[in-house]
Structures are given as structure tokens and as C-alpha cells.
Amino acid sequence: MKIAMGSDHAGFPLKSELVDYLRSQGHDVVDLGTDSADRVVDYPDFAEAVARKVASQDVERGIVVCGSGVGASIAANKVPGIYAALCHDTYSAHQGVEHDNMNIICLGSRVIGSALAQEIADAFLNAKFESDQERFVRRYNKVRAIEQAGMKP
């Protein structure tokens, strides 16, 4: 799967480990930065970059890492067509895709470690939206309608 990844300085070490792990699993990972934990940068820049790659369908999914994962989630969700959520457990990571068509997960590097982050990423990337389930499609369409209404002046 082709995946976009990004992080701020706080998330850089965990993102780097995940990039290596996901590539070892055969995924095509597009690393959108940052490239160091030593220079303070702002999470919205990297969350937006990942979100725009996903929204444009240049990649299939995205992963953003910041200190808590909260800010990255808020920023990524501002891009139309993005359904990002903070996930610190495997259930939310797969259920968010299966029931809600989530396309980006956000992780907090100050909250979880690399082993759990790998398990969460696997659960997220192996899940598929259950488009054959009418209730999930109905709910997804309602969320899309809210998004579209919010874009009107």
C-alpha cells in the first residue's frame, strides 16, 4: 500500500521507526518530513501535507505523528475528504476504517511506544471499509454531508 507519513519534531523518532517498519513490510512509504527531532517545527504543516496527499489520492492512506496526536488529528481533518482520528489502540485503528472510512491515523509519540505503534499501523492498513453494510455507508454519507455543508459560505 502507498502511505504518506509526516511528523513534527516530537513525533520524528517514532515516525522514523514506523517508516522503516512499514517499508520492511512491503509498503511504499512517502515520508513528508520532518527530518530531525533537533529543530522545532509545527505539526499543522506536516498534518496538512499528509492530508493533501491522501485527499488527492496520490496515496491510499496516511499516518501523522506528533507529541500527543491530538493536534495532528485536528489539523488533518480541516482538509476536505479527510477522515483522521487519534488511535492509540488496535481496535480503534481497524474499526475506524471498517465503520467510518477513516483514511488517516494520528499517533502520539509521547503516549505510545514503537511496538504498539507498529501493531496500530498494521491494524489500520489491513482494514477495509465495510461498504456492503448499509448502516456504515449511511453514516459515512451523513458525515460527508456535514463536511460539504461546512464548506459553503
C-alpha atoms as a PDB file:
ATOM      1  CA  MET A   1       0.000   0.000   0.000  1.00  0.00           C
ATOM      2  CA  LYS A   2       1.190   3.530  -0.698  1.00  0.00           C
ATOM      3  CA  ILE A   3       1.226   5.550   2.531  1.00  0.00           C
ATOM      4  CA  ALA A   4       2.101   9.180   3.302  1.00  0.00           C
ATOM      5  CA  MET A   5       3.746   9.838   6.647  1.00  0.00           C
ATOM      6  CA  GLY A   6       4.646  13.029   8.437  1.00  0.00           C
ATOM      7  CA  SER A   7       5.560  14.296  11.867  1.00  0.00           C
ATOM      8  CA  ASP A   8       6.675  17.291  13.818  1.00  0.00           C
ATOM      9  CA  HIS A   9       9.914  17.254  15.819  1.00  0.00           C
ATOM     10  CA  ALA A  10       8.267  15.475  18.769  1.00  0.00           C
ATOM     11  CA  GLY A  11       6.997  12.698  16.548  1.00  0.00           C
ATOM     12  CA  PHE A  12      10.142  12.337  14.454  1.00  0.00           C
ATOM     13  CA  PRO A  13      11.740   9.382  16.287  1.00  0.00           C
ATOM     14  CA  LEU A  14       8.535   7.298  16.250  1.00  0.00           C
ATOM     15  CA  LYS A  15       7.781   8.261  12.640  1.00  0.00           C
ATOM     16  CA  SER A  16      11.285   7.194  11.577  1.00  0.00           C
ATOM     17  CA  GLU A  17      10.858   3.808  13.243  1.00  0.00           C
ATOM     18  CA  LEU A  18       7.438   3.360  11.612  1.00  0.00           C
ATOM     19  CA  VAL A  19       8.749   4.324   8.167  1.00  0.00           C
ATOM     20  CA  ASP A  20      11.432   1.630   8.430  1.00  0.00           C
ATOM     21  CA  TYR A  21       8.968  -0.927   9.790  1.00  0.00           C
ATOM     22  CA  LEU A  22       6.321  -0.292   7.119  1.00  0.00           C
ATOM     23  CA  ARG A  23       8.881  -0.420   4.320  1.00  0.00           C
ATOM     24  CA  SER A  24      10.122  -3.764   5.705  1.00  0.00           C
ATOM     25  CA  GLN A  25       6.509  -4.971   5.435  1.00  0.00           C
ATOM     26  CA  GLY A  26       6.449  -4.094   1.723  1.00  0.00           C
ATOM     27  CA  HIS A  27       4.609  -0.781   1.874  1.00  0.00           C
ATOM     28  CA  ASP A  28       5.558   2.170  -0.326  1.00  0.00           C
ATOM     29  CA  VAL A  29       6.048   4.972   2.210  1.00  0.00           C
ATOM     30  CA  VAL A  30       6.229   8.624   1.175  1.00  0.00           C
ATOM     31  CA  ASP A  31       7.991  10.450   4.024  1.00  0.00           C
ATOM     32  CA  LEU A  32       6.884  14.090   4.017  1.00  0.00           C
ATOM     33  CA  GLY A  33       9.095  15.124   6.932  1.00  0.00           C
ATOM     34  CA  THR A  34      10.212  16.451   9.258  1.00  0.00           C
ATOM     35  CA  ASP A  35      13.730  15.102   9.059  1.00  0.00           C
ATOM     36  CA  SER A  36      15.008  15.836  12.562  1.00  0.00           C
ATOM     37  CA  ALA A  37      13.989  15.965  16.200  1.00  0.00           C
ATOM     38  CA  ASP A  38      16.512  18.752  16.763  1.00  0.00           C
ATOM     39  CA  ARG A  39      14.667  21.591  15.022  1.00  0.00           C
ATOM     40  CA  VAL A  40      11.293  22.713  16.370  1.00  0.00           C
ATOM     41  CA  VAL A  41       8.626  22.638  13.649  1.00  0.00           C
ATOM     42  CA  ASP A  42       4.837  22.924  13.680  1.00  0.00           C
ATOM     43  CA  TYR A  43       2.585  19.857  13.446  1.00  0.00           C
ATOM     44  CA  PRO A  44      -0.083  21.559  11.248  1.00  0.00           C
ATOM     45  CA  ASP A  45       2.396  21.825   8.373  1.00  0.00           C
ATOM     46  CA  PHE A  46       3.038  18.092   8.299  1.00  0.00           C
ATOM     47  CA  ALA A  47      -0.544  17.045   9.042  1.00  0.00           C
ATOM     48  CA  GLU A  48      -1.702  19.191   6.125  1.00  0.00           C
ATOM     49  CA  ALA A  49       0.952  17.762   3.792  1.00  0.00           C
ATOM     50  CA  VAL A  50      -0.115  14.191   4.577  1.00  0.00           C
ATOM     51  CA  ALA A  51      -3.808  15.075   4.363  1.00  0.00           C
ATOM     52  CA  ARG A  52      -3.418  16.713   0.959  1.00  0.00           C
ATOM     53  CA  LYS A  53      -1.575  13.646  -0.383  1.00  0.00           C
ATOM     54  CA  VAL A  54      -4.403  11.404   0.826  1.00  0.00           C
ATOM     55  CA  ALA A  55      -7.165  13.733  -0.402  1.00  0.00           C
ATOM     56  CA  SER A  56      -5.577  13.944  -3.866  1.00  0.00           C
ATOM     57  CA  GLN A  57      -5.387  10.127  -3.931  1.00  0.00           C
ATOM     58  CA  ASP A  58      -1.628  10.224  -4.544  1.00  0.00           C
ATOM     59  CA  VAL A  59      -1.502   7.743  -1.655  1.00  0.00           C
ATOM     60  CA  GLU A  60      -4.089   5.387  -0.193  1.00  0.00           C
ATOM     61  CA  ARG A  61      -3.688   6.249   3.497  1.00  0.00           C
ATOM     62  CA  GLY A  62      -1.770   8.500   5.847  1.00  0.00           C
ATOM     63  CA  ILE A  63      -0.123   8.437   9.253  1.00  0.00           C
ATOM     64  CA  VAL A  64       0.800  11.573  11.197  1.00  0.00           C
ATOM     65  CA  VAL A  65       2.774  11.614  14.437  1.00  0.00           C
ATOM     66  CA  CYS A  66       3.097  14.471  16.907  1.00  0.00           C
ATOM     67  CA  GLY A  67       3.599  14.594  20.658  1.00  0.00           C
ATOM     68  CA  SER A  68       0.030  13.680  21.632  1.00  0.00           C
ATOM     69  CA  GLY A  69      -1.540  13.046  18.212  1.00  0.00           C
ATOM     70  CA  VAL A  70      -4.369  15.443  19.065  1.00  0.00           C
ATOM     71  CA  GLY A  71      -3.113  18.496  17.188  1.00  0.00           C
ATOM     72  CA  ALA A  72      -2.280  16.442  14.109  1.00  0.00           C
ATOM     73  CA  SER A  73      -5.793  14.996  14.112  1.00  0.00           C
ATOM     74  CA  ILE A  74      -7.408  18.413  14.350  1.00  0.00           C
ATOM     75  CA  ALA A  75      -5.230  19.836  11.565  1.00  0.00           C
ATOM     76  CA  ALA A  76      -5.618  16.886   9.182  1.00  0.00           C
ATOM     77  CA  ASN A  77      -9.414  16.968   9.489  1.00  0.00           C
ATOM     78  CA  LYS A  78      -9.525  20.512   8.114  1.00  0.00           C
ATOM     79  CA  VAL A  79      -8.712  19.176   4.636  1.00  0.00           C
ATOM     80  CA  PRO A  80     -11.895  18.175   2.765  1.00  0.00           C
ATOM     81  CA  GLY A  81     -12.153  14.443   2.211  1.00  0.00           C
ATOM     82  CA  ILE A  82     -10.018  13.566   5.197  1.00  0.00           C
ATOM     83  CA  TYR A  83     -11.280  11.357   7.984  1.00  0.00           C
ATOM     84  CA  ALA A  84      -8.476  11.343  10.545  1.00  0.00           C
ATOM     85  CA  ALA A  85      -8.572  10.088  14.107  1.00  0.00           C
ATOM     86  CA  LEU A  86      -6.278   9.716  17.060  1.00  0.00           C
ATOM     87  CA  CYS A  87      -5.668   5.991  17.576  1.00  0.00           C
ATOM     88  CA  HIS A  88      -3.745   4.549  20.489  1.00  0.00           C
ATOM     89  CA  ASP A  89      -5.263   1.059  20.314  1.00  0.00           C
ATOM     90  CA  THR A  90      -5.684  -1.531  17.595  1.00  0.00           C
ATOM     91  CA  TYR A  91      -9.467  -1.755  17.866  1.00  0.00           C
ATOM     92  CA  SER A  92      -9.976   1.930  17.017  1.00  0.00           C
ATOM     93  CA  ALA A  93      -7.418   1.674  14.219  1.00  0.00           C
ATOM     94  CA  HIS A  94      -9.276  -1.052  12.332  1.00  0.00           C
ATOM     95  CA  GLN A  95     -12.820  -0.145  13.385  1.00  0.00           C
ATOM     96  CA  GLY A  96     -12.306   3.455  12.251  1.00  0.00           C
ATOM     97  CA  VAL A  97     -11.632   2.187   8.744  1.00  0.00           C
ATOM     98  CA  GLU A  98     -14.245  -0.571   8.720  1.00  0.00           C
ATOM     99  CA  HIS A  99     -17.139   1.518  10.041  1.00  0.00           C
ATOM    100  CA  ASP A 100     -16.151   5.145   9.367  1.00  0.00           C
ATOM    101  CA  ASN A 101     -13.886   5.011   6.292  1.00  0.00           C
ATOM    102  CA  MET A 102     -11.035   6.671   8.203  1.00  0.00           C
ATOM    103  CA  ASN A 103      -8.086   7.395   5.910  1.00  0.00           C
ATOM    104  CA  ILE A 104      -5.501   8.864   8.316  1.00  0.00           C
ATOM    105  CA  ILE A 105      -4.420   7.807  11.768  1.00  0.00           C
ATOM    106  CA  CYS A 106      -2.700  10.157  14.175  1.00  0.00           C
ATOM    107  CA  LEU A 107      -0.343   8.873  16.825  1.00  0.00           C
ATOM    108  CA  GLY A 108       1.139  10.449  19.926  1.00  0.00           C
ATOM    109  CA  SER A 109       4.827   9.710  20.313  1.00  0.00           C
ATOM    110  CA  ARG A 110       4.718  10.810  23.954  1.00  0.00           C
ATOM    111  CA  VAL A 111       1.827   8.426  24.618  1.00  0.00           C
ATOM    112  CA  ILE A 112       2.695   5.124  22.912  1.00  0.00           C
ATOM    113  CA  GLY A 113       5.857   3.227  22.067  1.00  0.00           C
ATOM    114  CA  SER A 114       7.091   1.776  18.817  1.00  0.00           C
ATOM    115  CA  ALA A 115       5.822  -1.800  19.327  1.00  0.00           C
ATOM    116  CA  LEU A 116       2.249  -0.625  19.896  1.00  0.00           C
ATOM    117  CA  ALA A 117       2.545   1.917  17.063  1.00  0.00           C
ATOM    118  CA  GLN A 118       3.500  -0.914  14.698  1.00  0.00           C
ATOM    119  CA  GLU A 119       0.504  -3.004  15.788  1.00  0.00           C
ATOM    120  CA  ILE A 120      -1.807   0.017  15.372  1.00  0.00           C
ATOM    121  CA  ALA A 121      -0.403   0.761  11.909  1.00  0.00           C
ATOM    122  CA  ASP A 122      -0.893  -2.873  10.871  1.00  0.00           C
ATOM    123  CA  ALA A 123      -4.498  -2.884  12.117  1.00  0.00           C
ATOM    124  CA  PHE A 124      -5.187   0.395  10.260  1.00  0.00           C
ATOM    125  CA  LEU A 125      -3.552  -0.642   6.993  1.00  0.00           C
ATOM    126  CA  ASN A 126      -5.106  -4.123   6.888  1.00  0.00           C
ATOM    127  CA  ALA A 127      -8.652  -2.856   7.460  1.00  0.00           C
ATOM    128  CA  LYS A 128     -11.161  -2.141   4.703  1.00  0.00           C
ATOM    129  CA  PHE A 129     -14.317  -0.019   4.768  1.00  0.00           C
ATOM    130  CA  GLU A 130     -17.343  -2.312   5.068  1.00  0.00           C
ATOM    131  CA  SER A 131     -19.152  -0.709   2.131  1.00  0.00           C
ATOM    132  CA  ASP A 132     -21.537  -3.650   1.919  1.00  0.00           C
ATOM    133  CA  GLN A 133     -23.044  -2.656   5.263  1.00  0.00           C
ATOM    134  CA  GLU A 134     -25.831  -0.121   4.626  1.00  0.00           C
ATOM    135  CA  ARG A 135     -25.618   1.436   8.085  1.00  0.00           C
ATOM    136  CA  PHE A 136     -21.915   2.269   7.688  1.00  0.00           C
ATOM    137  CA  VAL A 137     -22.451   3.765   4.232  1.00  0.00           C
ATOM    138  CA  ARG A 138     -25.449   5.762   5.511  1.00  0.00           C
ATOM    139  CA  ARG A 139     -23.429   7.162   8.419  1.00  0.00           C
ATOM    140  CA  TYR A 140     -20.428   7.916   6.220  1.00  0.00           C
ATOM    141  CA  ASN A 141     -22.673   9.808   3.793  1.00  0.00           C
ATOM    142  CA  LYS A 142     -24.100  11.836   6.692  1.00  0.00           C
ATOM    143  CA  VAL A 143     -20.582  12.820   7.756  1.00  0.00           C
ATOM    144  CA  ARG A 144     -19.764  13.789   4.159  1.00  0.00           C
ATOM    145  CA  ALA A 145     -22.928  15.933   4.059  1.00  0.00           C
ATOM    146  CA  ILE A 146     -21.830  17.765   7.207  1.00  0.00           C
ATOM    147  CA  GLU A 147     -18.431  18.336   5.594  1.00  0.00           C
ATOM    148  CA  GLN A 148     -19.993  19.681   2.396  1.00  0.00           C
ATOM    149  CA  ALA A 149     -22.366  21.965   4.294  1.00  0.00           C
ATOM    150  CA  GLY A 150     -19.444  23.355   6.266  1.00  0.00           C
ATOM    151  CA  MET A 151     -17.638  24.318   3.050  1.00  0.00           C
ATOM    152  CA  LYS A 152     -20.454  26.613   1.917  1.00  0.00           C
ATOM    153  CA  PRO A 153     -20.176  30.297   2.806  1.00  0.00           C
END
